[in-house]
Protein backbone atom coordinates (compact mmCIF):
# COMPACT_ATOMS: atom_id res chain seq x y z
CA UNK A 1 -5.85 -26.63 68.56
CA UNK A 2 -7.55 -29.94 70.16
CA UNK A 3 -5.09 -32.20 71.84
CA UNK A 4 -4.26 -35.40 69.97
CA UNK A 5 -3.61 -38.52 71.48
CA UNK A 6 0.35 -38.04 70.95
CA UNK A 7 2.67 -35.06 70.28
CA UNK A 8 4.99 -36.10 67.75
CA UNK A 9 5.69 -33.70 65.42
CA UNK A 10 7.52 -30.02 65.81
CA UNK A 11 4.30 -28.68 63.94
CA UNK A 12 2.22 -29.97 66.88
CA UNK A 13 4.67 -28.46 69.36
CA UNK A 14 4.42 -25.06 67.82
CA UNK A 15 0.45 -25.14 67.60
CA UNK A 16 0.46 -26.04 71.21
CA UNK A 17 3.09 -23.32 72.14
CA UNK A 18 1.23 -20.60 69.83
CA UNK A 19 -2.22 -21.43 71.32
CA UNK A 20 -4.13 -18.78 73.50
CA UNK A 21 -6.53 -20.52 75.71
CA UNK A 22 -7.49 -19.72 79.19
CA UNK A 23 -4.90 -21.77 80.84
CA UNK A 24 -2.03 -21.58 78.14
CA UNK A 25 0.91 -19.17 78.78
CA UNK A 26 0.60 -15.94 76.99
CA UNK A 27 2.99 -13.30 75.63
CA UNK A 28 2.58 -9.94 76.88
CA UNK A 29 3.52 -6.12 76.08
CA UNK A 30 3.06 -3.13 78.38
CA UNK A 31 3.30 0.65 78.79
CA UNK A 32 7.08 1.17 78.49
CA UNK A 33 6.72 4.79 79.41
CA UNK A 34 5.09 4.14 82.62
CA UNK A 35 7.70 1.47 83.34
CA UNK A 36 10.46 3.97 82.82
CA UNK A 37 8.87 6.34 85.30
CA UNK A 38 9.07 3.88 88.17
CA UNK A 39 11.02 4.74 91.34
CA UNK A 40 12.49 2.42 93.38
CA UNK A 41 14.17 4.80 95.92
CA UNK A 42 11.92 4.09 98.88
CA UNK A 43 13.15 0.63 98.91
CA UNK A 44 16.90 1.60 98.12
CA UNK A 45 18.74 -0.74 100.70
CA UNK A 46 16.63 -3.87 99.71
CA UNK A 47 17.04 -2.86 95.87
CA UNK A 48 20.78 -2.38 96.02
CA UNK A 49 21.12 -5.85 97.85
CA UNK A 50 18.67 -7.57 95.16
CA UNK A 51 20.92 -6.15 92.42
CA UNK A 52 24.15 -7.52 93.96
CA UNK A 53 22.53 -10.92 94.18
CA UNK A 54 21.70 -10.79 90.33
CA UNK A 55 25.18 -9.31 89.79
CA UNK A 56 26.66 -12.38 91.73
CA UNK A 57 24.75 -14.86 89.50
CA UNK A 58 24.93 -17.78 91.68
CA UNK A 59 23.27 -20.07 88.95
CA UNK A 60 25.69 -19.23 86.05
CA UNK A 61 27.05 -22.81 86.19
CA UNK A 62 23.73 -24.51 87.03
CA UNK A 63 21.77 -25.00 83.74
CA UNK A 64 24.35 -27.10 82.01
CA UNK A 65 23.60 -30.74 80.74
CA UNK A 66 26.20 -33.45 81.93
CA UNK A 67 26.79 -36.86 80.90
CA UNK A 68 25.08 -37.79 83.90
CA UNK A 69 21.81 -35.89 82.82
CA UNK A 70 22.01 -37.70 79.33
CA UNK A 71 22.52 -41.01 80.90
CA UNK A 72 19.16 -40.74 82.84
CA UNK A 73 17.02 -40.07 79.87
CA UNK A 74 14.92 -43.32 78.85
CA UNK A 75 11.78 -43.94 76.98
CA UNK A 76 8.49 -43.30 78.85
CA UNK A 77 4.86 -44.74 78.64
CA UNK A 78 3.06 -43.12 75.74
CA UNK A 79 0.59 -41.56 78.01
CA UNK A 80 3.01 -40.29 80.48
CA UNK A 81 5.19 -39.10 77.62
CA UNK A 82 2.41 -36.90 76.11
CA UNK A 83 1.65 -35.50 79.49
CA UNK A 84 5.22 -34.74 80.26
CA UNK A 85 5.77 -33.05 76.82
CA UNK A 86 2.85 -31.00 77.36
CA UNK A 87 4.42 -30.05 80.74
CA UNK A 88 7.54 -29.09 78.86
CA UNK A 89 6.04 -26.98 76.05
CA UNK A 90 3.96 -25.13 78.62
CA UNK A 91 6.88 -24.65 80.63
CA UNK A 92 9.36 -23.46 77.83
CA UNK A 93 6.46 -21.02 76.41
CA UNK A 94 5.86 -19.69 80.04
CA UNK A 95 9.77 -18.97 80.51
CA UNK A 96 10.31 -17.65 77.23
CA UNK A 97 7.09 -15.43 77.83
CA UNK A 98 8.88 -13.64 80.84
CA UNK A 99 12.28 -13.62 78.49
CA UNK A 100 10.32 -11.58 75.64
CA UNK A 101 8.62 -9.33 78.15
CA UNK A 102 11.67 -8.34 80.16
CA UNK A 103 13.85 -7.76 77.05
CA UNK A 104 11.18 -5.54 75.50
CA UNK A 105 10.92 -3.50 78.54
CA UNK A 106 14.82 -3.57 78.83
CA UNK A 107 15.00 -2.18 75.29
CA UNK A 108 12.27 0.62 75.62
CA UNK A 109 13.32 2.08 79.02
CA UNK A 110 16.07 4.46 80.15
CA UNK A 111 15.48 4.15 83.70
CA UNK A 112 19.01 2.75 84.89
CA UNK A 113 17.34 0.73 87.76
CA UNK A 114 14.61 -1.06 85.68
CA UNK A 115 16.78 -1.58 82.84
CA UNK A 116 19.40 -3.26 84.95
CA UNK A 117 16.57 -5.45 86.47
CA UNK A 118 15.35 -6.55 83.12
CA UNK A 119 18.71 -7.30 81.73
CA UNK A 120 19.15 -9.87 84.50
CA UNK A 121 15.78 -11.37 84.43
CA UNK A 122 16.15 -11.77 80.51
CA UNK A 123 19.34 -13.63 81.29
CA UNK A 124 17.67 -15.96 83.63
CA UNK A 125 14.50 -16.71 81.74
CA UNK A 126 16.46 -17.25 78.54
CA UNK A 127 18.68 -19.96 80.43
CA UNK A 128 15.56 -21.47 81.74
CA UNK A 129 13.78 -21.56 78.41
CA UNK A 130 16.84 -23.00 76.59
CA UNK A 131 17.47 -25.66 79.20
CA UNK A 132 13.89 -26.91 78.98
CA UNK A 133 13.82 -26.70 75.12
CA UNK A 134 17.19 -28.81 75.21
CA UNK A 135 14.81 -31.54 76.83
CA UNK A 136 12.26 -31.18 74.19
CA UNK A 137 14.74 -31.61 71.65
CA UNK A 138 15.91 -35.05 73.13
CA UNK A 139 12.49 -36.08 71.78
CA UNK A 140 13.24 -34.70 68.43
CA UNK A 141 10.35 -31.73 69.28
CA UNK A 142 11.91 -28.37 70.11
CA UNK A 143 10.18 -25.14 70.08
CA UNK A 144 11.44 -22.83 67.42
CA UNK A 145 11.56 -19.81 69.88
CA UNK A 146 12.54 -17.17 67.35
CA UNK A 147 9.39 -18.41 65.26
CA UNK A 148 7.19 -18.22 68.43
CA UNK A 149 8.11 -14.77 69.14
CA UNK A 150 7.40 -13.84 65.94
CA UNK A 151 3.97 -15.44 65.24
CA UNK A 152 2.24 -15.68 68.97
CA UNK A 153 -0.46 -13.23 69.85
CA UNK A 154 0.47 -10.55 72.40
CA UNK A 155 -1.71 -9.45 75.09
CA UNK A 156 -1.39 -5.81 76.42
CA UNK A 157 -1.17 -5.63 80.39
CA UNK A 158 -0.73 -2.18 82.26
CA UNK A 159 2.18 -2.37 84.29
CA UNK A 160 0.46 -2.86 87.58
CA UNK A 161 -1.28 -6.01 85.91
CA UNK A 162 2.26 -7.26 84.95
CA UNK A 163 3.38 -6.53 88.47
CA UNK A 164 0.49 -8.63 90.08
CA UNK A 165 0.47 -11.35 87.40
CA UNK A 166 4.37 -11.96 87.31
CA UNK A 167 4.89 -11.78 91.00
CA UNK A 168 2.41 -14.39 91.53
CA UNK A 169 3.62 -16.64 88.49
CA UNK A 170 7.35 -16.55 89.91
CA UNK A 171 6.23 -17.25 93.40
CA UNK A 172 4.09 -20.15 92.45
CA UNK A 173 6.63 -21.40 90.00
CA UNK A 174 9.10 -21.37 93.02
CA UNK A 175 6.43 -23.23 95.17
CA UNK A 176 5.79 -25.61 92.33
CA UNK A 177 9.54 -26.60 91.73
CA UNK A 178 10.50 -26.84 95.31
CA UNK A 179 7.48 -29.16 96.20
CA UNK A 180 8.22 -31.53 93.00
CA UNK A 181 12.19 -31.48 93.96
CA UNK A 182 11.40 -32.39 97.50
CA UNK A 183 8.93 -35.05 96.83
CA UNK A 184 11.49 -36.68 94.42
CA UNK A 185 14.23 -36.40 96.73
CA UNK A 186 12.06 -38.52 99.20
CA UNK A 187 11.40 -40.93 96.44
CA UNK A 188 14.17 -40.90 93.79
CA UNK A 189 12.69 -44.03 92.21
CA UNK A 190 9.81 -41.61 91.09
CA UNK A 191 12.19 -39.41 89.18
CA UNK A 192 11.43 -40.58 85.50
CA UNK A 193 13.40 -37.59 84.04
CA UNK A 194 16.62 -35.75 85.18
CA UNK A 195 15.40 -32.31 84.65
CA UNK A 196 13.80 -32.60 88.02
CA UNK A 197 17.23 -32.67 89.75
CA UNK A 198 17.65 -29.11 88.57
CA UNK A 199 14.73 -27.84 90.05
CA UNK A 200 16.12 -26.98 93.63
CA UNK A 201 18.74 -24.40 92.47
CA UNK A 202 16.21 -23.12 89.71
CA UNK A 203 14.03 -22.00 92.46
CA UNK A 204 16.52 -19.40 93.44
CA UNK A 205 15.86 -17.58 90.33
CA UNK A 206 12.13 -17.99 90.59
CA UNK A 207 12.01 -16.45 94.15
CA UNK A 208 14.32 -13.66 93.36
CA UNK A 209 12.10 -12.73 90.32
CA UNK A 210 9.17 -12.48 92.43
CA UNK A 211 10.88 -10.48 95.09
CA UNK A 212 11.91 -8.00 92.41
CA UNK A 213 8.34 -7.20 91.56
CA UNK A 214 7.59 -7.27 95.35
CA UNK A 215 10.18 -4.48 95.91
CA UNK A 216 8.60 -2.31 92.93
CA UNK A 217 5.20 -3.02 94.48
CA UNK A 218 6.47 -1.76 98.07
CA UNK A 219 8.12 1.13 96.61
CA UNK A 220 4.67 2.04 95.04
CA UNK A 221 2.45 1.40 97.99
CA UNK A 222 -0.73 2.70 96.33
CA UNK A 223 -0.66 -0.47 94.20
CA UNK A 224 -1.42 -2.40 97.33
CA UNK A 225 -4.34 -0.19 98.40
CA UNK A 226 -8.00 0.51 97.78
CA UNK A 227 -9.35 -0.34 94.35
CA UNK A 228 -6.16 -1.94 93.37
CA UNK A 229 -6.89 -4.81 95.81
CA UNK A 230 -9.70 -5.70 93.72
CA UNK A 231 -6.90 -6.52 91.03
CA UNK A 232 -4.83 -8.29 93.57
CA UNK A 233 -7.76 -10.48 94.41
CA UNK A 234 -8.50 -10.99 90.64
CA UNK A 235 -4.88 -12.41 89.77
CA UNK A 236 -4.76 -14.32 92.87
CA UNK A 237 -7.74 -16.28 91.96
CA UNK A 238 -6.85 -16.32 87.98
CA UNK A 239 -3.35 -17.88 88.78
CA UNK A 240 -4.66 -20.35 91.31
CA UNK A 241 -7.61 -21.26 89.07
CA UNK A 242 -5.20 -21.62 85.94
CA UNK A 243 -2.89 -23.91 87.79
CA UNK A 244 -5.54 -26.14 89.13
CA UNK A 245 -7.29 -26.94 85.85
CA UNK A 246 -4.07 -27.25 83.88
CA UNK A 247 -2.54 -29.72 86.44
CA UNK A 248 -5.58 -31.78 86.60
CA UNK A 249 -5.23 -32.55 82.68
CA UNK A 250 -2.09 -34.24 83.59
CA UNK A 251 -3.07 -36.77 86.07
CA UNK A 252 -0.49 -39.25 84.94
CA UNK A 253 2.43 -36.79 85.24
CA UNK A 254 1.58 -36.48 88.91
CA UNK A 255 0.94 -40.21 89.41
CA UNK A 256 4.20 -40.92 88.04
CA UNK A 257 5.77 -38.82 90.78
CA UNK A 258 3.94 -40.27 93.38
CA UNK A 259 1.82 -36.86 93.86
CA UNK A 260 -1.94 -36.56 94.00
CA UNK A 261 -2.91 -33.46 91.70
CA UNK A 262 -5.31 -31.99 94.17
CA UNK A 263 -3.09 -32.29 97.36
CA UNK A 264 -0.13 -31.14 95.45
CA UNK A 265 -2.14 -28.08 94.11
CA UNK A 266 -3.01 -26.96 97.65
CA UNK A 267 0.22 -27.64 99.04
CA UNK A 268 1.49 -25.08 96.39
CA UNK A 269 -1.21 -22.60 97.26
CA UNK A 270 -0.39 -22.79 100.94
CA UNK A 271 3.24 -22.00 100.09
CA UNK A 272 2.48 -19.23 97.59
CA UNK A 273 -0.14 -17.72 100.30
CA UNK A 274 2.49 -17.74 102.97
CA UNK A 275 4.94 -15.87 100.67
CA UNK A 276 2.52 -13.28 99.30
CA UNK A 277 1.62 -12.32 102.81
CA UNK A 278 4.96 -10.61 102.68
CA UNK A 279 3.67 -8.04 99.75
CA UNK A 280 -0.22 -8.32 99.52
CA UNK A 281 -2.37 -7.41 102.48
CA UNK A 282 -4.93 -10.06 101.50
CA UNK A 283 -4.77 -13.73 100.53
CA UNK A 284 -7.35 -16.35 99.22
CA UNK A 285 -9.08 -18.79 101.61
CA UNK A 286 -7.85 -21.82 99.59
CA UNK A 287 -8.80 -24.22 102.55
CA UNK A 288 -12.51 -23.26 102.49
CA UNK A 289 -14.46 -26.26 101.22
CA UNK A 290 -16.59 -23.89 98.93
CA UNK A 291 -13.45 -22.51 97.35
CA UNK A 292 -12.03 -26.30 96.72
CA UNK A 293 -15.43 -27.07 95.33
CA UNK A 294 -15.54 -24.18 92.91
CA UNK A 295 -12.06 -24.93 91.45
CA UNK A 296 -13.40 -28.46 91.04
CA UNK A 297 -16.30 -26.99 89.21
CA UNK A 298 -14.13 -24.92 86.98
CA UNK A 299 -12.00 -28.22 85.75
CA UNK A 300 -15.52 -29.87 85.00
CA UNK A 301 -16.26 -26.83 83.00
CA UNK A 302 -12.96 -26.96 81.10
CA UNK A 303 -13.57 -30.77 80.30
CA UNK A 304 -17.08 -30.12 79.09
CA UNK A 305 -16.21 -27.14 77.04
CA UNK A 306 -13.36 -29.06 75.27
CA UNK A 307 -15.97 -31.83 74.64
CA UNK A 308 -18.42 -29.32 73.09
CA UNK A 309 -15.73 -27.86 70.97
CA UNK A 310 -14.81 -31.32 69.62
CA UNK A 311 -18.37 -32.08 68.92
CA UNK A 312 -18.68 -29.02 66.94
CA UNK A 313 -21.97 -27.78 65.13
CA UNK A 314 -24.92 -25.97 66.36
CA UNK A 315 -25.36 -28.50 69.34
CA UNK A 316 -21.63 -28.21 70.19
CA UNK A 317 -21.68 -24.51 70.25
CA UNK A 318 -24.76 -24.18 72.35
CA UNK A 319 -23.05 -26.47 74.98
CA UNK A 320 -19.71 -24.49 74.94
CA UNK A 321 -22.07 -21.44 75.55
CA UNK A 322 -23.61 -23.03 78.35
CA UNK A 323 -20.21 -24.01 79.94
CA UNK A 324 -18.86 -20.53 79.43
CA UNK A 325 -21.66 -19.03 81.29
CA UNK A 326 -21.20 -21.69 84.13
CA UNK A 327 -17.41 -20.96 84.14
CA UNK A 328 -18.04 -17.11 84.52
CA UNK A 329 -20.56 -17.82 87.24
CA UNK A 330 -18.43 -20.00 89.12
CA UNK A 331 -15.52 -17.94 88.90
CA UNK A 332 -17.54 -14.86 90.05
CA UNK A 333 -18.71 -16.80 93.09
CA UNK A 334 -15.06 -17.45 93.86
CA UNK A 335 -14.07 -13.94 93.51
CA UNK A 336 -16.70 -12.87 95.93
CA UNK A 337 -15.86 -15.29 98.76
CA UNK A 338 -14.31 -13.67 101.96
CA UNK A 339 -10.32 -13.25 101.91
CA UNK A 340 -7.90 -13.44 104.67
CA UNK A 341 -6.22 -10.18 105.76
CA UNK A 342 -2.50 -10.33 106.40
CA UNK A 343 -0.17 -7.99 108.22
CA UNK A 344 2.69 -6.78 106.04
CA UNK A 345 6.32 -6.98 107.19
CA UNK A 346 8.43 -4.05 107.45
CA UNK A 347 10.94 -5.50 104.99
CA UNK A 348 10.81 -8.30 102.13
CA UNK A 349 12.71 -11.67 102.65
CA UNK A 350 15.40 -12.46 100.29
CA UNK A 351 15.74 -15.79 98.44
CA UNK A 352 16.46 -18.50 101.00
CA UNK A 353 19.69 -20.06 101.02
CA UNK A 354 19.68 -23.68 99.98
């Protein structure tokens, strides 16, 4: 779907949520039999502590809208409103994607440890998706989540791909939310919607979800060695590149918060890299000028590809092909750049206290 000047109908919202582009959130399925065989005994102490945190459910009372929330909602500039709605639609789709995946794993495994983990994570992601969707409904544009589950295309990922991608998605979600929250705490006049006040405690869930997959990977160290490091590198780059391109399509959203999109992204990358050093023996050199130039090229490719698609016809198709080759070449060059080696700690850090 090509983005229109406004997002003003439930049909547009569903089309955006169902779209499967390179930068849109996807729904996943996996090998449930392989998930069922996972053994967490090598990290038993940390695992039991994690399960106790989930059971304690320190956010049970958090995702509730109060009178103060409602009183802070006001009309937005049309251009900002469109970018904010796009942000909400992407966010609810991403959160609900996790909910669907974790629930399907829960239903299809007998392993009591994995079933328990997926039950807790389904609970959390359901709350997140519902809370964001409530803000969309304030604009009369909520996502039909049951319809989305039935109609959105699913992508098959091996369990290890799920571990790498979901770990990074949860950690980068933590870094994004806490960076925005801290910025708006410093500049409350920039907080144009009340949902941002919920981001601080929300981060607890994002961080803990990432740590859950970190423990699974540490319990199965072959996932962090040899050929598998090529996949780690791929998902690091894919997650960072996706975030960079997506964020730069919303310049007014960040400007309204007093944030420069590029500076914000690299701050998030720095936070995510520091966290992921606890699990991955490699991180990307995101401060390398060549790396930064490459991400900028990918954003330019995305813009020109979209313009060519709108143009249509033979010429538009040829231009799309040129940009696709250019994008693959740029991604390949970024992938081959030297990485930074990291020393793994003896234990995984738990979620920080607020």
